Structures are given as C-alpha cells and as structure tokens.
N, C-alpha and C. Protein backbone atom coordinates (compact mmCIF):
# COMPACT_ATOMS: atom_id res chain seq x y z
N UNK A 1 -2.43 -26.97 -26.43
CA UNK A 1 -2.86 -25.86 -27.25
C UNK A 1 -3.62 -26.33 -28.49
N UNK A 2 -3.34 -27.52 -28.98
CA UNK A 2 -4.01 -27.99 -30.20
C UNK A 2 -5.53 -28.08 -30.00
N UNK A 3 -5.96 -28.43 -28.79
CA UNK A 3 -7.41 -28.50 -28.53
C UNK A 3 -8.03 -27.11 -28.57
N UNK A 4 -7.33 -26.13 -28.03
CA UNK A 4 -7.81 -24.75 -28.10
C UNK A 4 -7.90 -24.30 -29.56
N UNK A 5 -6.90 -24.62 -30.34
CA UNK A 5 -6.91 -24.25 -31.76
C UNK A 5 -8.08 -24.91 -32.47
N UNK A 6 -8.33 -26.16 -32.19
CA UNK A 6 -9.48 -26.84 -32.82
C UNK A 6 -10.79 -26.14 -32.44
N UNK A 7 -10.91 -25.70 -31.18
CA UNK A 7 -12.08 -24.93 -30.76
C UNK A 7 -12.17 -23.62 -31.55
N UNK A 8 -11.03 -22.97 -31.73
CA UNK A 8 -11.02 -21.70 -32.43
C UNK A 8 -11.39 -21.85 -33.91
N UNK A 9 -11.38 -23.06 -34.42
CA UNK A 9 -11.83 -23.33 -35.79
C UNK A 9 -13.26 -23.84 -35.82
N UNK A 10 -13.66 -24.56 -34.80
CA UNK A 10 -15.05 -25.04 -34.74
C UNK A 10 -16.01 -23.86 -34.60
N UNK A 11 -15.62 -22.87 -33.81
CA UNK A 11 -16.49 -21.70 -33.64
C UNK A 11 -16.71 -20.95 -34.96
N UNK A 12 -15.67 -20.58 -35.72
CA UNK A 12 -15.93 -19.86 -36.97
C UNK A 12 -16.73 -20.68 -37.98
N UNK A 13 -16.53 -21.99 -37.97
CA UNK A 13 -17.35 -22.79 -38.90
C UNK A 13 -18.82 -22.67 -38.52
N UNK A 14 -19.10 -22.80 -37.24
CA UNK A 14 -20.48 -22.65 -36.75
C UNK A 14 -21.01 -21.26 -37.10
N UNK A 15 -20.20 -20.23 -36.83
CA UNK A 15 -20.62 -18.85 -37.08
C UNK A 15 -20.83 -18.60 -38.57
N UNK A 16 -19.94 -19.11 -39.40
CA UNK A 16 -20.11 -18.93 -40.84
C UNK A 16 -21.38 -19.62 -41.33
N UNK A 17 -21.66 -20.81 -40.81
CA UNK A 17 -22.88 -21.51 -41.19
C UNK A 17 -24.11 -20.69 -40.80
N UNK A 18 -24.06 -20.05 -39.62
CA UNK A 18 -25.17 -19.20 -39.19
C UNK A 18 -25.35 -18.02 -40.16
N UNK A 19 -24.25 -17.43 -40.54
CA UNK A 19 -24.33 -16.30 -41.48
C UNK A 19 -24.87 -16.76 -42.83
N UNK A 20 -24.38 -17.90 -43.30
CA UNK A 20 -24.85 -18.40 -44.59
C UNK A 20 -26.34 -18.71 -44.56
N UNK A 21 -26.85 -19.17 -43.44
CA UNK A 21 -28.30 -19.43 -43.32
C UNK A 21 -29.07 -18.13 -43.59
N UNK A 22 -28.60 -17.04 -43.00
CA UNK A 22 -29.26 -15.75 -43.20
C UNK A 22 -29.08 -15.26 -44.63
N UNK A 23 -27.88 -15.39 -45.15
CA UNK A 23 -27.59 -14.92 -46.52
C UNK A 23 -28.45 -15.66 -47.54
N UNK A 24 -28.54 -16.97 -47.42
CA UNK A 24 -29.29 -17.76 -48.39
C UNK A 24 -30.79 -17.46 -48.34
N UNK A 25 -31.26 -16.95 -47.21
CA UNK A 25 -32.69 -16.62 -47.07
C UNK A 25 -33.00 -15.20 -47.51
N UNK A 26 -31.99 -14.46 -47.92
CA UNK A 26 -32.19 -13.05 -48.25
C UNK A 26 -31.84 -12.76 -49.71
N UNK A 27 -32.83 -12.51 -50.55
CA UNK A 27 -32.52 -12.13 -51.93
C UNK A 27 -31.63 -10.89 -52.01
N UNK A 28 -31.83 -9.94 -51.10
CA UNK A 28 -31.00 -8.72 -51.11
C UNK A 28 -29.54 -9.07 -50.82
N UNK A 29 -29.32 -9.98 -49.88
CA UNK A 29 -27.94 -10.38 -49.55
C UNK A 29 -27.32 -11.15 -50.71
N UNK A 30 -28.09 -12.06 -51.30
CA UNK A 30 -27.57 -12.85 -52.42
C UNK A 30 -27.21 -11.98 -53.61
N UNK A 31 -27.86 -10.85 -53.75
CA UNK A 31 -27.61 -9.98 -54.89
C UNK A 31 -26.63 -8.85 -54.62
N UNK A 32 -26.08 -8.79 -53.41
CA UNK A 32 -25.21 -7.67 -53.05
C UNK A 32 -23.76 -8.00 -53.36
N UNK A 33 -23.16 -7.23 -54.28
CA UNK A 33 -21.80 -7.53 -54.71
C UNK A 33 -20.76 -7.27 -53.62
N UNK A 34 -20.97 -6.26 -52.79
CA UNK A 34 -20.03 -6.00 -51.70
C UNK A 34 -19.98 -7.15 -50.72
N UNK A 35 -21.12 -7.71 -50.40
CA UNK A 35 -21.18 -8.86 -49.51
C UNK A 35 -20.51 -10.07 -50.16
N UNK A 36 -20.74 -10.26 -51.45
CA UNK A 36 -20.10 -11.37 -52.17
C UNK A 36 -18.58 -11.26 -52.07
N UNK A 37 -18.07 -10.05 -52.22
CA UNK A 37 -16.61 -9.87 -52.18
C UNK A 37 -16.04 -10.15 -50.78
N UNK A 38 -16.75 -9.74 -49.74
CA UNK A 38 -16.27 -10.04 -48.38
C UNK A 38 -16.31 -11.55 -48.13
N UNK A 39 -17.38 -12.20 -48.54
CA UNK A 39 -17.48 -13.66 -48.37
C UNK A 39 -16.38 -14.37 -49.14
N UNK A 40 -16.13 -13.90 -50.36
CA UNK A 40 -15.04 -14.48 -51.13
C UNK A 40 -13.72 -14.32 -50.38
N UNK A 41 -13.49 -13.16 -49.82
CA UNK A 41 -12.24 -12.91 -49.10
C UNK A 41 -12.12 -13.85 -47.90
N UNK A 42 -13.16 -13.99 -47.12
CA UNK A 42 -13.12 -14.87 -45.94
C UNK A 42 -12.71 -16.28 -46.36
N UNK A 43 -13.43 -16.83 -47.31
CA UNK A 43 -13.21 -18.24 -47.66
C UNK A 43 -12.00 -18.43 -48.56
N UNK A 44 -11.71 -17.47 -49.41
CA UNK A 44 -10.50 -17.55 -50.23
C UNK A 44 -9.25 -17.55 -49.37
N UNK A 45 -9.24 -16.72 -48.35
CA UNK A 45 -8.09 -16.67 -47.44
C UNK A 45 -7.96 -17.97 -46.66
N UNK A 46 -9.09 -18.56 -46.28
CA UNK A 46 -9.03 -19.86 -45.61
C UNK A 46 -8.34 -20.88 -46.51
N UNK A 47 -8.72 -20.89 -47.78
CA UNK A 47 -8.13 -21.83 -48.73
C UNK A 47 -6.63 -21.58 -48.91
N UNK A 48 -6.26 -20.32 -49.02
CA UNK A 48 -4.85 -19.97 -49.25
C UNK A 48 -4.00 -20.37 -48.05
N UNK A 49 -4.45 -20.06 -46.82
CA UNK A 49 -3.64 -20.42 -45.65
C UNK A 49 -3.50 -21.93 -45.53
N UNK A 50 -4.57 -22.66 -45.77
CA UNK A 50 -4.47 -24.12 -45.70
C UNK A 50 -3.43 -24.63 -46.69
N UNK A 51 -3.45 -24.11 -47.90
CA UNK A 51 -2.46 -24.53 -48.91
C UNK A 51 -1.05 -24.21 -48.44
N UNK A 52 -0.87 -23.04 -47.85
CA UNK A 52 0.46 -22.68 -47.35
C UNK A 52 0.92 -23.66 -46.28
N UNK A 53 0.04 -24.01 -45.36
CA UNK A 53 0.42 -24.94 -44.28
C UNK A 53 0.77 -26.31 -44.84
N UNK A 54 0.16 -26.65 -45.96
CA UNK A 54 0.42 -27.95 -46.58
C UNK A 54 1.61 -27.89 -47.53
N UNK A 55 2.23 -26.73 -47.65
CA UNK A 55 3.39 -26.59 -48.50
C UNK A 55 3.08 -26.42 -49.96
N UNK A 56 1.84 -26.09 -50.29
CA UNK A 56 1.44 -25.90 -51.68
C UNK A 56 1.45 -24.42 -52.01
N UNK A 57 1.77 -24.08 -53.24
CA UNK A 57 1.70 -22.70 -53.69
C UNK A 57 0.46 -22.58 -54.56
N UNK A 58 -0.65 -22.34 -53.90
CA UNK A 58 -1.94 -22.33 -54.56
C UNK A 58 -2.15 -21.10 -55.41
N UNK A 59 -1.53 -20.01 -55.03
CA UNK A 59 -1.84 -18.75 -55.68
C UNK A 59 -3.12 -18.20 -55.09
N UNK A 60 -3.64 -17.17 -55.69
CA UNK A 60 -4.83 -16.52 -55.17
C UNK A 60 -5.91 -16.53 -56.23
N UNK A 61 -7.10 -17.03 -55.87
CA UNK A 61 -8.22 -16.94 -56.80
C UNK A 61 -8.71 -15.50 -56.82
N UNK A 62 -9.71 -15.28 -57.64
CA UNK A 62 -10.26 -13.94 -57.79
C UNK A 62 -11.77 -13.98 -57.54
N UNK A 63 -12.34 -12.88 -57.07
CA UNK A 63 -13.79 -12.86 -56.85
C UNK A 63 -14.58 -13.21 -58.12
N UNK A 64 -14.01 -12.89 -59.27
CA UNK A 64 -14.70 -13.17 -60.54
C UNK A 64 -14.88 -14.67 -60.76
N UNK A 65 -14.10 -15.49 -60.04
CA UNK A 65 -14.26 -16.94 -60.16
C UNK A 65 -15.61 -17.39 -59.59
N UNK A 66 -16.23 -16.51 -58.80
CA UNK A 66 -17.52 -16.78 -58.17
C UNK A 66 -18.44 -15.60 -58.47
N UNK A 67 -19.04 -15.58 -59.67
CA UNK A 67 -19.80 -14.40 -60.09
C UNK A 67 -21.07 -14.15 -59.28
N UNK A 68 -21.58 -15.17 -58.64
CA UNK A 68 -22.78 -15.02 -57.81
C UNK A 68 -22.45 -15.43 -56.37
N UNK A 69 -23.06 -14.75 -55.42
CA UNK A 69 -22.85 -15.11 -54.02
C UNK A 69 -23.20 -16.58 -53.79
N UNK A 70 -24.24 -17.04 -54.43
CA UNK A 70 -24.66 -18.43 -54.28
C UNK A 70 -23.56 -19.40 -54.70
N UNK A 71 -22.71 -19.01 -55.67
CA UNK A 71 -21.59 -19.86 -56.11
C UNK A 71 -20.58 -20.08 -54.99
N UNK A 72 -20.52 -19.15 -54.04
CA UNK A 72 -19.54 -19.24 -52.95
C UNK A 72 -19.94 -20.22 -51.86
N UNK A 73 -21.22 -20.53 -51.76
CA UNK A 73 -21.70 -21.38 -50.67
C UNK A 73 -21.00 -22.75 -50.63
N UNK A 74 -20.95 -23.53 -51.72
CA UNK A 74 -20.24 -24.81 -51.65
C UNK A 74 -18.75 -24.64 -51.35
N UNK A 75 -18.16 -23.56 -51.85
CA UNK A 75 -16.76 -23.25 -51.59
C UNK A 75 -16.54 -23.02 -50.10
N UNK A 76 -17.43 -22.27 -49.47
CA UNK A 76 -17.33 -22.01 -48.02
C UNK A 76 -17.36 -23.31 -47.23
N UNK A 77 -18.32 -24.16 -47.55
CA UNK A 77 -18.42 -25.45 -46.84
C UNK A 77 -17.17 -26.29 -47.06
N UNK A 78 -16.68 -26.31 -48.28
CA UNK A 78 -15.49 -27.11 -48.60
C UNK A 78 -14.26 -26.59 -47.86
N UNK A 79 -14.13 -25.27 -47.75
CA UNK A 79 -12.99 -24.70 -47.03
C UNK A 79 -13.00 -25.15 -45.57
N UNK A 80 -14.16 -25.06 -44.94
CA UNK A 80 -14.24 -25.47 -43.54
C UNK A 80 -14.01 -26.97 -43.37
N UNK A 81 -14.51 -27.76 -44.27
CA UNK A 81 -14.30 -29.21 -44.20
C UNK A 81 -12.81 -29.54 -44.32
N UNK A 82 -12.13 -28.87 -45.24
CA UNK A 82 -10.70 -29.11 -45.42
C UNK A 82 -9.90 -28.65 -44.20
N UNK A 83 -10.27 -27.53 -43.61
CA UNK A 83 -9.59 -27.05 -42.39
C UNK A 83 -9.79 -28.04 -41.25
N UNK A 84 -11.02 -28.53 -41.09
CA UNK A 84 -11.32 -29.50 -40.03
C UNK A 84 -10.48 -30.77 -40.22
N UNK A 85 -10.40 -31.26 -41.45
CA UNK A 85 -9.61 -32.46 -41.73
C UNK A 85 -8.13 -32.23 -41.43
N UNK A 86 -7.62 -31.09 -41.83
CA UNK A 86 -6.21 -30.76 -41.58
C UNK A 86 -5.93 -30.74 -40.08
N UNK A 87 -6.77 -30.04 -39.33
CA UNK A 87 -6.55 -29.93 -37.89
C UNK A 87 -6.68 -31.27 -37.17
N UNK A 88 -7.50 -32.16 -37.70
CA UNK A 88 -7.66 -33.48 -37.06
C UNK A 88 -6.37 -34.29 -37.11
N UNK A 89 -5.49 -33.94 -38.02
CA UNK A 89 -4.22 -34.66 -38.18
C UNK A 89 -3.05 -33.98 -37.47
N UNK A 90 -3.28 -32.82 -36.87
CA UNK A 90 -2.22 -32.08 -36.20
C UNK A 90 -2.13 -32.47 -34.74
N UNK A 91 -0.91 -32.35 -34.19
CA UNK A 91 -0.67 -32.61 -32.78
C UNK A 91 0.13 -31.46 -32.20
N UNK A 92 0.32 -31.48 -30.90
CA UNK A 92 1.13 -30.45 -30.24
C UNK A 92 2.52 -30.36 -30.87
N UNK A 93 3.06 -31.50 -31.24
CA UNK A 93 4.42 -31.53 -31.79
C UNK A 93 4.53 -30.77 -33.11
N UNK A 94 3.43 -30.62 -33.83
CA UNK A 94 3.46 -29.91 -35.12
C UNK A 94 3.50 -28.39 -34.96
N UNK A 95 3.06 -27.89 -33.83
CA UNK A 95 2.82 -26.46 -33.68
C UNK A 95 4.06 -25.57 -33.81
N UNK A 96 5.23 -25.97 -33.30
CA UNK A 96 6.39 -25.08 -33.44
C UNK A 96 7.05 -25.10 -34.82
N UNK A 97 6.65 -26.03 -35.68
CA UNK A 97 7.29 -26.16 -37.00
C UNK A 97 7.15 -24.86 -37.80
N UNK A 98 8.23 -24.45 -38.44
CA UNK A 98 8.22 -23.24 -39.25
C UNK A 98 7.51 -23.50 -40.58
N UNK A 99 6.69 -22.55 -40.96
CA UNK A 99 6.02 -22.58 -42.26
C UNK A 99 6.56 -21.38 -43.04
N UNK A 100 7.13 -21.66 -44.21
CA UNK A 100 7.63 -20.60 -45.07
C UNK A 100 6.64 -20.41 -46.20
N UNK A 101 6.27 -19.17 -46.46
CA UNK A 101 5.24 -18.87 -47.46
C UNK A 101 5.51 -17.50 -48.07
N UNK A 102 4.84 -17.26 -49.20
CA UNK A 102 4.90 -15.96 -49.86
C UNK A 102 3.54 -15.28 -49.72
N UNK A 103 3.56 -13.99 -49.46
CA UNK A 103 2.30 -13.25 -49.42
C UNK A 103 1.90 -12.81 -50.83
N UNK A 104 0.82 -12.08 -50.92
CA UNK A 104 0.30 -11.69 -52.24
C UNK A 104 1.28 -10.77 -52.98
N UNK A 105 2.13 -10.06 -52.24
CA UNK A 105 3.13 -9.18 -52.86
C UNK A 105 4.40 -9.93 -53.25
N UNK A 106 4.44 -11.24 -52.96
CA UNK A 106 5.60 -12.05 -53.31
C UNK A 106 6.69 -12.08 -52.25
N UNK A 107 6.47 -11.42 -51.11
CA UNK A 107 7.45 -11.43 -50.03
C UNK A 107 7.41 -12.78 -49.31
N UNK A 108 8.57 -13.24 -48.89
CA UNK A 108 8.67 -14.54 -48.20
C UNK A 108 8.77 -14.32 -46.70
N UNK A 109 8.03 -15.13 -45.97
CA UNK A 109 8.02 -15.10 -44.52
C UNK A 109 8.13 -16.52 -43.99
N UNK A 110 8.57 -16.65 -42.76
CA UNK A 110 8.62 -17.94 -42.09
C UNK A 110 8.17 -17.73 -40.64
N UNK A 111 7.16 -18.46 -40.25
CA UNK A 111 6.60 -18.34 -38.90
C UNK A 111 6.19 -19.72 -38.40
N UNK A 112 6.09 -19.88 -37.07
CA UNK A 112 5.63 -21.16 -36.53
C UNK A 112 4.19 -21.44 -36.96
N UNK A 113 3.89 -22.68 -37.25
CA UNK A 113 2.54 -23.09 -37.61
C UNK A 113 1.55 -22.61 -36.56
N UNK A 114 1.91 -22.70 -35.30
CA UNK A 114 1.04 -22.27 -34.20
C UNK A 114 0.54 -20.84 -34.42
N UNK A 115 1.45 -19.94 -34.73
CA UNK A 115 1.08 -18.54 -34.92
C UNK A 115 0.14 -18.37 -36.10
N UNK A 116 0.41 -19.08 -37.17
CA UNK A 116 -0.42 -18.96 -38.37
C UNK A 116 -1.79 -19.57 -38.15
N UNK A 117 -1.84 -20.67 -37.41
CA UNK A 117 -3.14 -21.27 -37.09
C UNK A 117 -3.98 -20.33 -36.25
N UNK A 118 -3.34 -19.58 -35.36
CA UNK A 118 -4.08 -18.63 -34.52
C UNK A 118 -4.56 -17.43 -35.33
N UNK A 119 -3.85 -17.08 -36.37
CA UNK A 119 -4.21 -15.91 -37.17
C UNK A 119 -5.56 -16.08 -37.87
N UNK A 120 -5.79 -17.21 -38.48
CA UNK A 120 -6.93 -17.36 -39.38
C UNK A 120 -8.29 -17.17 -38.71
N UNK A 121 -8.56 -17.75 -37.55
CA UNK A 121 -9.89 -17.50 -36.94
C UNK A 121 -10.14 -16.03 -36.63
N UNK A 122 -9.10 -15.31 -36.24
CA UNK A 122 -9.27 -13.89 -35.95
C UNK A 122 -9.51 -13.09 -37.22
N UNK A 123 -8.84 -13.47 -38.28
CA UNK A 123 -9.06 -12.83 -39.58
C UNK A 123 -10.51 -13.03 -40.01
N UNK A 124 -10.99 -14.25 -39.90
CA UNK A 124 -12.38 -14.54 -40.29
C UNK A 124 -13.37 -13.79 -39.41
N UNK A 125 -13.07 -13.69 -38.11
CA UNK A 125 -13.98 -12.99 -37.20
C UNK A 125 -14.12 -11.52 -37.60
N UNK A 126 -13.02 -10.91 -37.92
CA UNK A 126 -13.05 -9.51 -38.33
C UNK A 126 -13.98 -9.33 -39.54
N UNK A 127 -13.79 -10.16 -40.54
CA UNK A 127 -14.58 -10.00 -41.76
C UNK A 127 -16.02 -10.49 -41.58
N UNK A 128 -16.26 -11.42 -40.68
CA UNK A 128 -17.63 -11.82 -40.39
C UNK A 128 -18.39 -10.65 -39.77
N UNK A 129 -17.70 -9.79 -39.04
CA UNK A 129 -18.32 -8.56 -38.55
C UNK A 129 -18.77 -7.67 -39.70
N UNK A 130 -17.99 -7.65 -40.76
CA UNK A 130 -18.39 -6.88 -41.94
C UNK A 130 -19.63 -7.49 -42.59
N UNK A 131 -19.71 -8.81 -42.64
CA UNK A 131 -20.90 -9.43 -43.24
C UNK A 131 -22.12 -9.16 -42.36
N UNK A 132 -21.94 -9.16 -41.05
CA UNK A 132 -23.06 -8.87 -40.15
C UNK A 132 -23.58 -7.46 -40.39
N UNK A 133 -22.67 -6.53 -40.52
CA UNK A 133 -23.07 -5.15 -40.77
C UNK A 133 -23.80 -5.04 -42.11
N UNK A 134 -23.30 -5.73 -43.12
CA UNK A 134 -23.94 -5.69 -44.44
C UNK A 134 -25.34 -6.30 -44.38
N UNK A 135 -25.49 -7.40 -43.65
CA UNK A 135 -26.80 -8.03 -43.54
C UNK A 135 -27.82 -7.07 -42.92
N UNK A 136 -27.43 -6.39 -41.88
CA UNK A 136 -28.32 -5.43 -41.24
C UNK A 136 -28.67 -4.30 -42.21
N UNK A 137 -27.67 -3.79 -42.91
CA UNK A 137 -27.91 -2.70 -43.87
C UNK A 137 -28.85 -3.14 -44.99
N UNK A 138 -28.85 -4.44 -45.29
CA UNK A 138 -29.72 -4.97 -46.35
C UNK A 138 -31.10 -5.38 -45.84
N UNK A 139 -31.36 -5.11 -44.55
CA UNK A 139 -32.68 -5.39 -44.00
C UNK A 139 -32.83 -6.76 -43.38
N UNK A 140 -31.74 -7.51 -43.27
CA UNK A 140 -31.79 -8.83 -42.62
C UNK A 140 -31.34 -8.67 -41.17
N UNK A 141 -31.28 -9.76 -40.47
CA UNK A 141 -30.72 -9.72 -39.11
C UNK A 141 -29.32 -10.30 -39.16
N UNK A 142 -28.52 -9.89 -38.21
CA UNK A 142 -27.19 -10.48 -38.06
C UNK A 142 -27.29 -11.53 -36.96
N UNK A 143 -27.03 -12.77 -37.29
CA UNK A 143 -27.13 -13.80 -36.26
C UNK A 143 -26.11 -13.57 -35.15
N UNK A 144 -26.48 -13.94 -33.93
CA UNK A 144 -25.57 -13.82 -32.79
C UNK A 144 -24.54 -14.94 -32.89
N UNK A 145 -23.30 -14.57 -33.18
CA UNK A 145 -22.26 -15.58 -33.41
C UNK A 145 -21.02 -15.37 -32.55
N UNK A 146 -21.16 -14.62 -31.47
CA UNK A 146 -20.02 -14.43 -30.57
C UNK A 146 -19.55 -15.77 -30.03
N UNK A 147 -18.28 -15.83 -29.70
CA UNK A 147 -17.69 -17.05 -29.13
C UNK A 147 -18.49 -17.52 -27.92
N UNK A 148 -18.86 -16.61 -27.05
CA UNK A 148 -19.59 -16.99 -25.83
C UNK A 148 -20.97 -17.57 -26.17
N UNK A 149 -21.60 -17.10 -27.24
CA UNK A 149 -22.89 -17.66 -27.66
C UNK A 149 -22.70 -19.11 -28.09
N UNK A 150 -21.65 -19.37 -28.83
CA UNK A 150 -21.33 -20.73 -29.28
C UNK A 150 -21.00 -21.62 -28.08
N UNK A 151 -20.25 -21.10 -27.13
CA UNK A 151 -19.91 -21.87 -25.94
C UNK A 151 -21.16 -22.21 -25.14
N UNK A 152 -22.07 -21.21 -24.97
CA UNK A 152 -23.32 -21.47 -24.24
C UNK A 152 -24.20 -22.48 -24.96
N UNK A 153 -24.04 -22.57 -26.27
CA UNK A 153 -24.80 -23.55 -27.06
C UNK A 153 -24.15 -24.92 -27.02
N UNK A 154 -23.21 -25.10 -26.10
CA UNK A 154 -22.56 -26.42 -25.96
C UNK A 154 -21.53 -26.70 -27.04
N UNK A 155 -20.93 -25.62 -27.58
CA UNK A 155 -19.94 -25.77 -28.65
C UNK A 155 -20.56 -26.55 -29.83
N UNK A 156 -21.72 -26.05 -30.23
CA UNK A 156 -22.51 -26.73 -31.26
C UNK A 156 -21.73 -26.92 -32.55
N UNK A 157 -22.00 -28.03 -33.21
CA UNK A 157 -21.43 -28.29 -34.53
C UNK A 157 -22.08 -27.34 -35.54
N UNK A 158 -21.36 -27.00 -36.56
CA UNK A 158 -21.91 -26.17 -37.63
C UNK A 158 -23.07 -26.91 -38.29
N UNK A 159 -24.15 -26.20 -38.51
CA UNK A 159 -25.31 -26.76 -39.23
C UNK A 159 -25.48 -25.94 -40.50
N UNK A 160 -24.84 -26.42 -41.54
CA UNK A 160 -24.91 -25.72 -42.82
C UNK A 160 -26.30 -25.90 -43.40
N UNK A 161 -26.88 -24.81 -43.91
CA UNK A 161 -28.23 -24.93 -44.50
C UNK A 161 -28.20 -25.75 -45.78
C-alpha cells in the first residue's frame, strides 16, 4: 500500500504544479483574493497534516501570513517537497501506527497513519477543483489534472514553473 500512497502524493504534486503554472501566468488569478485563500488552504493543510504525522503541534497559520498569491508559490513547493521526503522514509510497517492529533477546534483524535495519509490527497483534489473553477471564471484555462491524465503521461514528475 505504501507505493499506492506515494502515487497518490505524486499525482497532486504534479497537478498543483500544473495549476501554479496557469496561476503565475494570469494577472487576474494572481490578484484574486478568493483564489489566494483556497490555495492557502490547500497548502496550509498539507503543512499541518505533515506536522501532525511527525508529532509536532504546529498550530495553524493564517491567510494573512501570505498577503499575495505570489507569496504562496514557494510555500506550495516546500510543502510538496516535505511531503515527498516524509513518504520516502515510510514503509508498510509504519501504516497501522496510531497518530494522535488535535483539530482546529482543539478536539483530540487518534487514527492509523494509513487513513490520514489517504485523506490528504483527496482533500487537495477537492480544493484543486475549486481553483480550476476560479481559473475559468477569471478567464484562464483549467489544466487537465485528472489522475488518469497523469497516469497516461507516464506518472510524470511535477514540473514547477
């Protein structure tokens, strides 16, 4: 299952890089506050879950920490790099281990690492759909980033602009 999980992380990194290519080429996208907030949420949540898996209590940053959409770009790349590094060190034996964490409301939960690792790519996919819709509304195109598109592309590595 660890190989499947690594695939499920390689795809969103590739897809996010595709979206960022479009965003960086669009002044309307770079200036749209709603899009900035969705991008912040995608990458902020990536950072928070990674910290939880590592046993750190990172807390939650705020969108105001990134006043411009362009400020989020290095953060997005860094989040994916850190996730890739973390997953490279995981094995099948790590997957059933319980991870105890607090949510934003302060409630404590404990779940297997496997379940939490599966959650994050789906969370990102949902919100990437929101960025695609915003890009179209702003007059840009939404890049084709479906899992099957990535698979047909030979499971391409992310090419960050």
